[in-house]
Protein backbone atom coordinates (compact mmCIF):
# COMPACT_ATOMS: atom_id res chain seq x y z
CA MET A 1 -23.71 60.11 -68.79
CA ASN A 2 -22.98 58.27 -65.91
CA ASP A 3 -20.28 59.89 -63.32
CA GLU A 4 -17.77 56.62 -64.43
CA THR A 5 -17.81 58.56 -67.82
CA ALA A 6 -17.88 61.92 -66.86
CA GLU A 7 -14.97 61.55 -64.35
CA HIS A 8 -12.94 59.26 -67.30
CA GLY A 9 -14.24 60.70 -70.26
CA ASP A 10 -14.94 58.38 -73.48
CA ASP A 11 -11.14 57.67 -73.94
CA ALA A 12 -11.73 53.94 -72.78
CA GLY A 13 -14.90 53.36 -74.64
CA ALA A 14 -17.89 50.99 -73.37
CA ALA A 15 -18.13 47.69 -72.17
CA GLU A 16 -20.16 45.39 -69.82
CA TYR A 17 -20.37 41.61 -69.15
CA VAL A 18 -23.30 39.44 -69.47
CA PHE A 19 -24.43 36.76 -67.58
CA GLY A 20 -27.68 34.52 -67.70
CA CYS A 21 -29.42 33.90 -64.35
CA ARG A 22 -32.01 32.07 -63.09
CA PHE A 23 -33.59 32.49 -59.88
CA ARG A 24 -36.34 31.64 -57.57
CA LEU A 25 -38.35 33.78 -55.41
CA SER A 26 -39.20 32.42 -51.98
CA PRO A 27 -41.92 34.51 -49.97
CA SER A 28 -41.14 34.56 -46.28
CA VAL A 29 -44.77 35.59 -45.37
CA ALA A 30 -46.91 32.59 -44.03
CA GLY A 31 -49.37 32.20 -47.27
CA LEU A 32 -47.87 33.87 -50.13
CA ARG A 33 -46.75 32.40 -52.86
CA ALA A 34 -45.42 33.43 -56.25
CA GLU A 35 -46.55 31.09 -59.48
CA PRO A 36 -44.20 30.52 -61.24
CA ASN A 37 -41.40 30.91 -58.94
CA GLU A 38 -38.80 30.53 -60.82
CA PHE A 39 -37.52 33.20 -63.67
CA GLU A 40 -34.62 33.55 -65.78
CA THR A 41 -32.97 36.72 -66.74
CA THR A 42 -30.35 38.74 -68.18
CA LEU A 43 -27.82 40.42 -66.14
CA PHE A 44 -25.14 43.12 -67.12
CA ARG A 45 -22.29 44.39 -65.12
CA GLU A 46 -20.34 47.66 -66.29
CA ALA A 47 -16.67 47.05 -67.29
CA ASP A 48 -14.23 49.03 -65.21
CA PRO A 49 -12.30 51.27 -67.17
CA PRO A 50 -8.53 49.34 -68.45
CA GLY A 51 -5.72 50.17 -65.72
CA GLU A 52 -8.42 51.26 -62.95
CA ASP A 53 -9.90 49.37 -60.10
CA GLY A 54 -11.81 46.71 -61.02
CA TRP A 55 -10.23 46.21 -64.63
CA LEU A 56 -8.99 42.86 -63.61
CA PHE A 57 -13.10 41.35 -63.11
CA PHE A 58 -12.23 39.16 -66.19
CA ARG A 59 -8.65 37.53 -64.86
CA ASP A 60 -10.54 36.97 -61.45
CA ASN A 61 -13.92 35.53 -62.29
CA LEU A 62 -13.62 33.59 -65.59
CA TRP A 63 -11.66 31.19 -67.61
CA HIS A 64 -11.89 30.44 -71.37
CA GLY A 65 -14.82 31.76 -71.37
CA GLU A 66 -16.66 30.60 -67.90
CA LEU A 67 -16.90 31.25 -64.44
CA ASN A 68 -14.10 30.20 -62.90
CA ASP A 69 -16.13 29.58 -59.33
CA PRO A 70 -19.92 29.03 -60.45
CA ASP A 71 -21.11 28.45 -56.72
CA TYR A 72 -18.98 31.61 -55.34
CA PHE A 73 -20.50 33.78 -58.30
CA ARG A 74 -23.75 32.50 -57.60
CA GLU A 75 -23.43 33.48 -54.18
CA LEU A 76 -22.28 36.78 -54.91
CA THR A 77 -25.16 37.51 -57.50
CA GLU A 78 -27.59 36.28 -54.58
CA ASP A 79 -26.28 38.70 -52.16
CA ALA A 80 -26.55 41.40 -55.36
CA LEU A 81 -30.36 40.63 -56.00
CA GLY A 82 -31.76 39.59 -52.47
CA VAL A 83 -33.44 36.34 -54.22
CA THR A 84 -32.45 32.50 -54.35
CA VAL A 85 -30.05 32.43 -57.32
CA LEU A 86 -30.28 28.60 -58.71
CA THR A 87 -27.62 29.36 -61.90
CA VAL A 88 -25.42 31.97 -63.10
CA ASP A 89 -23.21 31.63 -66.16
CA PHE A 90 -20.94 33.95 -68.36
CA ARG A 91 -22.40 34.90 -71.79
CA GLU A 92 -20.47 37.67 -73.28
CA LEU A 93 -18.20 40.39 -72.63
CA ARG A 94 -19.78 43.06 -75.03
CA THR A 95 -17.61 45.66 -76.06
CA ASP A 96 -17.01 48.81 -78.49
CA GLN A 97 -13.52 49.07 -80.48
CA THR A 98 -12.33 51.88 -78.12
CA TYR A 99 -13.08 49.69 -75.27
CA LEU A 100 -10.99 46.84 -76.53
CA ASP A 101 -8.12 48.65 -78.16
CA ALA A 102 -7.71 49.98 -74.33
CA LEU A 103 -8.39 46.78 -72.86
CA ASP A 104 -5.57 45.11 -74.94
CA ASP A 105 -3.48 48.07 -74.44
CA ALA A 106 -3.91 48.04 -70.42
CA ILE A 107 -3.16 43.81 -70.86
CA GLY A 108 -0.11 44.19 -73.11
CA ALA A 109 1.51 46.76 -70.57
CA ASN A 110 0.63 44.09 -67.79
CA LEU A 111 1.45 40.88 -69.24
CA ASP A 112 3.39 39.47 -65.95
CA LEU A 113 -0.26 39.79 -64.42
CA PHE A 114 -1.40 36.92 -66.60
CA ASN A 115 1.44 34.55 -66.94
CA ALA A 116 1.32 35.43 -70.69
CA GLU A 117 3.51 36.42 -73.50
CA ARG A 118 0.98 38.22 -75.50
CA VAL A 119 -2.60 39.88 -75.70
CA PRO A 120 -4.45 37.37 -77.57
CA GLU A 121 -2.99 34.71 -75.12
CA VAL A 122 -4.52 36.20 -72.22
CA ARG A 123 -7.55 37.07 -74.35
CA SER A 124 -8.23 33.25 -75.23
CA LYS A 125 -7.31 31.97 -71.57
CA TYR A 126 -9.72 34.25 -69.38
CA LEU A 127 -12.29 35.08 -72.20
CA GLY A 128 -12.24 32.41 -74.36
CA SER A 129 -14.24 33.29 -77.71
CA SER A 130 -16.66 35.05 -75.77
CA ILE A 131 -16.17 39.02 -76.91
CA ARG A 132 -18.72 40.72 -78.93
CA LEU A 133 -17.94 43.70 -80.53
CA VAL A 134 -20.60 46.25 -81.27
CA ASP A 135 -20.91 49.86 -82.26
CA ASP A 136 -19.65 52.45 -80.05
CA GLY A 137 -22.06 53.42 -77.57
CA SER A 138 -24.47 50.48 -77.87
CA THR A 139 -23.15 48.47 -75.08
CA GLY A 140 -25.45 49.90 -72.80
CA ALA A 141 -23.27 50.49 -70.45
């Protein structure tokens, strides 16, 4: 159990954003090289509890299941990883039913933040069809 779970309990469930990332190692020491020097990996970002700071990550970064500003997000990922990031793309919101229900409730209570009339419209507008429902507790978050 992490500090976030301890603080908020299991009421909000668990979810994480999943990204594909291609990066390059560029050693800065003369005479040092890496081969291969390009790699692909999967990055996971824990989704903040609905209604709490950071929960609008999907609204601020996604549009129809794609990154709304891939270059900016690539730069943020470079800063976070400390390597040259070639590409980063959004894959899915991996969530359990508990988190998804809490997210829907938070969206429904704040429709004005999304310029929308219904929760399914918000989901489609920002996440597209990139929501993957998993068994409670199996998100890794």
